[in-house]
Amino acid sequence: MSGILPPEIGIVLGIPLKDVKGYMSLAKDSVGIVRGWKMYGNPNKSLKVYKLYKEAQQRTTELIIKRMPMAQVIDKLRTKHIGGIT
C-alpha cells in the first residue's frame, strides 16, 4: 500500500467535499464531468475550483520559467488564490 494516497487527500487539496464523497461512493450523485478529477452532481463549484487550479498551474509555470525562487512563487500564488472560492 506504500505510495498510494487515500481519496481523503482531495479534501486537503481543496477538491469539493461532494466530489471526494462521490469518489468514495459515499454520495448518491453520479459523475457529471471529468476535468482533472471526477466531478459529481452539480459541477458549478467543482469547475470554479478547477479553474483556480489551472490558473495557478499556468502562473506557477510562468514564474518558474522566470527563475523566481519557489518561496516567492508560493507567496504570489497564496495572495492571489487563497479564499478565491465562494
C-alpha atoms as a PDB file:
ATOM      1  CA  MET A   1       0.000   0.000   0.000  1.00  0.00           C
ATOM      2  CA  SER A   2       3.065   2.230   0.099  1.00  0.00           C
ATOM      3  CA  GLY A   3       2.969   5.235  -2.215  1.00  0.00           C
ATOM      4  CA  ILE A   4      -0.823   5.295  -2.561  1.00  0.00           C
ATOM      5  CA  LEU A   5      -2.690   8.329  -1.278  1.00  0.00           C
ATOM      6  CA  PRO A   6      -6.137   7.879   0.257  1.00  0.00           C
ATOM      7  CA  PRO A   7      -9.051   9.612  -1.502  1.00  0.00           C
ATOM      8  CA  GLU A   8      -9.461  11.894   1.519  1.00  0.00           C
ATOM      9  CA  ILE A   9      -6.356  13.796   0.364  1.00  0.00           C
ATOM     10  CA  GLY A  10      -8.710  15.562  -2.033  1.00  0.00           C
ATOM     11  CA  ILE A  11     -10.134  17.484   0.922  1.00  0.00           C
ATOM     12  CA  VAL A  12      -6.670  18.801   1.792  1.00  0.00           C
ATOM     13  CA  LEU A  13      -6.101  19.736  -1.857  1.00  0.00           C
ATOM     14  CA  GLY A  14      -9.294  21.778  -1.945  1.00  0.00           C
ATOM     15  CA  ILE A  15     -11.380  19.441  -4.073  1.00  0.00           C
ATOM     16  CA  PRO A  16     -15.037  19.949  -3.134  1.00  0.00           C
ATOM     17  CA  LEU A  17     -16.240  17.518  -0.485  1.00  0.00           C
ATOM     18  CA  LYS A  18     -19.128  16.342  -2.712  1.00  0.00           C
ATOM     19  CA  ASP A  19     -16.566  15.117  -5.261  1.00  0.00           C
ATOM     20  CA  VAL A  20     -14.429  13.364  -2.657  1.00  0.00           C
ATOM     21  CA  LYS A  21     -17.510  11.690  -1.173  1.00  0.00           C
ATOM     22  CA  GLY A  22     -18.762  10.733  -4.622  1.00  0.00           C
ATOM     23  CA  TYR A  23     -15.414   9.182  -5.495  1.00  0.00           C
ATOM     24  CA  MET A  24     -15.544   7.199  -2.263  1.00  0.00           C
ATOM     25  CA  SER A  25     -19.100   6.047  -3.118  1.00  0.00           C
ATOM     26  CA  LEU A  26     -20.441   7.915  -0.073  1.00  0.00           C
ATOM     27  CA  ALA A  27     -22.868  10.047  -2.087  1.00  0.00           C
ATOM     28  CA  LYS A  28     -25.735   9.228  -4.413  1.00  0.00           C
ATOM     29  CA  ASP A  29     -24.699  11.673  -7.144  1.00  0.00           C
ATOM     30  CA  SER A  30     -23.284  10.267 -10.348  1.00  0.00           C
ATOM     31  CA  VAL A  31     -20.266  11.564 -12.226  1.00  0.00           C
ATOM     32  CA  GLY A  32     -21.255  14.624 -14.221  1.00  0.00           C
ATOM     33  CA  ILE A  33     -17.982  15.546 -15.893  1.00  0.00           C
ATOM     34  CA  VAL A  34     -14.276  14.849 -15.558  1.00  0.00           C
ATOM     35  CA  ARG A  35     -11.748  17.698 -15.531  1.00  0.00           C
ATOM     36  CA  GLY A  36      -8.677  16.765 -13.522  1.00  0.00           C
ATOM     37  CA  TRP A  37     -10.900  14.713 -11.208  1.00  0.00           C
ATOM     38  CA  LYS A  38     -14.369  13.187 -11.325  1.00  0.00           C
ATOM     39  CA  MET A  39     -16.990  15.846 -10.562  1.00  0.00           C
ATOM     40  CA  TYR A  40     -20.185  14.527  -9.028  1.00  0.00           C
ATOM     41  CA  GLY A  41     -23.622  16.147  -9.150  1.00  0.00           C
ATOM     42  CA  ASN A  42     -23.834  19.872  -9.946  1.00  0.00           C
ATOM     43  CA  PRO A  43     -20.385  20.777 -11.346  1.00  0.00           C
ATOM     44  CA  ASN A  44     -20.504  24.563 -10.742  1.00  0.00           C
ATOM     45  CA  LYS A  45     -18.354  24.714  -7.580  1.00  0.00           C
ATOM     46  CA  SER A  46     -16.069  21.972  -8.883  1.00  0.00           C
ATOM     47  CA  LEU A  47     -15.474  23.907 -12.098  1.00  0.00           C
ATOM     48  CA  LYS A  48     -14.621  27.054 -10.109  1.00  0.00           C
ATOM     49  CA  VAL A  49     -12.019  25.098  -8.143  1.00  0.00           C
ATOM     50  CA  TYR A  50     -10.676  23.523 -11.325  1.00  0.00           C
ATOM     51  CA  LYS A  51     -10.377  26.950 -12.961  1.00  0.00           C
ATOM     52  CA  LEU A  52      -8.333  28.180  -9.984  1.00  0.00           C
ATOM     53  CA  TYR A  53      -6.126  25.080 -10.235  1.00  0.00           C
ATOM     54  CA  LYS A  54      -5.460  25.729 -13.917  1.00  0.00           C
ATOM     55  CA  GLU A  55      -4.747  29.431 -13.315  1.00  0.00           C
ATOM     56  CA  ALA A  56      -2.329  28.566 -10.506  1.00  0.00           C
ATOM     57  CA  GLN A  57      -0.649  25.950 -12.694  1.00  0.00           C
ATOM     58  CA  GLN A  58      -0.180  28.444 -15.518  1.00  0.00           C
ATOM     59  CA  ARG A  59       1.078  31.181 -13.202  1.00  0.00           C
ATOM     60  CA  THR A  60       3.461  28.771 -11.450  1.00  0.00           C
ATOM     61  CA  THR A  61       4.920  27.707 -14.785  1.00  0.00           C
ATOM     62  CA  GLU A  62       5.424  31.342 -15.832  1.00  0.00           C
ATOM     63  CA  LEU A  63       7.174  32.252 -12.567  1.00  0.00           C
ATOM     64  CA  ILE A  64       9.412  29.180 -12.590  1.00  0.00           C
ATOM     65  CA  ILE A  65      10.441  29.883 -16.181  1.00  0.00           C
ATOM     66  CA  LYS A  66      11.454  33.363 -14.968  1.00  0.00           C
ATOM     67  CA  ARG A  67      13.614  31.574 -12.340  1.00  0.00           C
ATOM     68  CA  MET A  68      11.718  33.020  -9.391  1.00  0.00           C
ATOM     69  CA  PRO A  69      12.633  31.288  -6.099  1.00  0.00           C
ATOM     70  CA  MET A  70       9.970  28.758  -5.068  1.00  0.00           C
ATOM     71  CA  ALA A  71       9.211  30.561  -1.777  1.00  0.00           C
ATOM     72  CA  GLN A  72       8.293  33.678  -3.762  1.00  0.00           C
ATOM     73  CA  VAL A  73       6.228  31.644  -6.221  1.00  0.00           C
ATOM     74  CA  ILE A  74       4.231  30.210  -3.318  1.00  0.00           C
ATOM     75  CA  ASP A  75       3.754  33.658  -1.765  1.00  0.00           C
ATOM     76  CA  LYS A  76       2.483  35.093  -5.046  1.00  0.00           C
ATOM     77  CA  LEU A  77       0.053  32.230  -5.551  1.00  0.00           C
ATOM     78  CA  ARG A  78      -1.135  32.357  -1.945  1.00  0.00           C
ATOM     79  CA  THR A  79      -2.026  36.036  -2.119  1.00  0.00           C
ATOM     80  CA  LYS A  80      -3.981  35.548  -5.327  1.00  0.00           C
ATOM     81  CA  HIS A  81      -5.746  32.207  -4.792  1.00  0.00           C
ATOM     82  CA  ILE A  82      -6.384  31.574  -1.088  1.00  0.00           C
ATOM     83  CA  GLY A  83     -10.030  32.253  -0.355  1.00  0.00           C
ATOM     84  CA  GLY A  84     -10.921  32.514  -4.028  1.00  0.00           C
ATOM     85  CA  ILE A  85     -13.844  30.088  -3.793  1.00  0.00           C
ATOM     86  CA  THR A  86     -17.190  31.272  -2.523  1.00  0.00           C
END
